[in-house]
Protein backbone atom coordinates (compact mmCIF):
# COMPACT_ATOMS: atom_id res chain seq x y z
CA MET A 1 -0.11 0.03 -0.02
CA LEU A 2 2.80 2.38 0.84
CA GLU A 3 4.51 1.67 -2.54
CA GLU A 4 1.13 2.44 -4.26
CA GLN A 5 0.28 5.66 -2.43
CA GLY A 6 3.82 6.95 -1.61
CA LEU A 7 4.72 9.26 1.35
CA ARG A 8 2.84 12.41 1.44
CA PRO A 9 4.95 15.61 2.18
CA PHE A 10 3.30 17.42 5.05
CA THR A 11 6.27 19.81 5.27
CA SER A 12 9.43 20.40 3.44
CA ASN A 13 11.09 18.13 6.13
CA THR A 14 8.88 15.33 5.66
CA ILE A 15 10.73 12.17 4.70
CA THR A 16 9.24 10.97 1.31
CA ASP A 17 11.80 8.47 0.35
CA GLN A 18 10.95 4.98 1.44
CA GLY A 19 14.58 3.91 1.74
CA GLN A 20 15.39 6.93 3.91
CA LEU A 21 12.23 6.21 6.02
CA SER A 22 13.24 2.65 6.52
CA HIS A 23 16.71 3.71 7.58
CA GLU A 24 15.27 6.22 10.12
CA ILE A 25 12.94 3.61 11.68
CA LEU A 26 15.74 1.06 11.85
CA VAL A 27 18.17 3.53 13.51
CA SER A 28 15.39 4.71 15.96
CA ALA A 29 14.42 1.14 16.80
CA ARG A 30 18.02 0.28 17.77
CA SER A 31 18.05 3.21 20.23
CA GLY A 32 14.39 2.93 21.31
CA VAL A 33 13.86 6.60 20.78
CA PHE A 34 11.90 7.89 17.83
CA THR A 35 12.22 11.59 16.98
CA GLU A 36 11.08 13.93 14.17
CA GLN A 37 11.67 17.48 13.49
CA GLU A 38 8.95 19.44 11.79
CA GLN A 39 8.23 16.56 9.60
CA TYR A 40 4.45 16.64 10.12
CA ARG A 41 3.89 20.36 11.19
CA PRO A 42 6.10 23.33 10.92
CA GLU A 43 7.50 24.46 14.24
CA VAL A 44 6.81 21.26 16.00
CA CYS A 45 9.29 18.52 17.09
CA CYS A 46 8.20 15.18 18.58
CA ALA A 47 9.86 12.29 20.28
CA ALA A 48 8.41 8.93 21.40
CA VAL A 49 9.76 5.97 23.36
CA LEU A 50 8.60 2.35 23.39
CA VAL A 51 7.30 1.07 26.77
CA ASP A 52 8.06 -2.46 27.69
CA GLN A 53 10.11 -3.10 24.70
CA GLY A 54 7.24 -2.36 22.29
CA ARG A 55 4.71 -4.90 23.66
CA THR A 56 2.72 -2.33 25.59
CA GLY A 57 2.85 0.76 23.50
CA ALA A 58 4.70 4.03 23.45
CA ILE A 59 4.66 7.43 25.14
CA GLY A 60 5.64 10.53 23.38
CA LEU A 61 5.96 14.41 23.58
CA SER A 62 5.86 17.37 21.48
CA SER A 63 7.88 20.61 21.70
CA SER A 64 8.29 23.81 19.67
CA ALA A 65 10.93 23.69 17.19
CA GLY A 66 12.58 26.82 18.64
CA ARG A 67 13.03 25.09 22.00
CA TRP A 68 14.00 21.71 20.71
CA PRO A 69 17.81 22.20 20.25
CA GLN A 70 18.18 23.28 23.87
CA LEU A 71 15.77 20.87 25.46
CA ASN A 72 15.63 17.68 23.35
CA ARG A 73 18.29 15.77 25.37
CA VAL A 74 16.60 16.58 28.59
CA LEU A 75 13.10 15.75 27.29
CA VAL A 76 14.20 12.51 25.72
CA ALA A 77 15.89 11.48 28.99
CA GLN A 78 12.87 12.22 30.95
CA LEU A 79 10.75 10.45 28.46
CA THR A 80 12.92 7.30 28.69
CA ASN A 81 12.88 7.41 32.45
CA ARG A 82 8.92 7.61 32.45
CA ALA A 83 8.86 4.64 29.92
CA SER A 84 11.05 2.70 32.33
CA ASP A 85 8.65 3.56 35.22
CA LEU A 86 5.80 2.18 33.21
CA ALA A 87 7.48 -1.03 31.99
């Protein structure tokens, strides 16, 4: 289905190449932290962490793009800690 419909560009940062998307998902899955920067909506960055190694679900957060460079490490660390608390 993805091959038929392609990847819709929501912003100029949206990944529309299937190979690049597959690579990003693989890299993120290894780290357990999934992030995106203004790929769906301008001025918004998001992160998500798997809970219980993916069997339970995920928790995530959104941040303004302007604050993301200063806060992303702290936010992702806190998100990872909360996921561990839930597992």
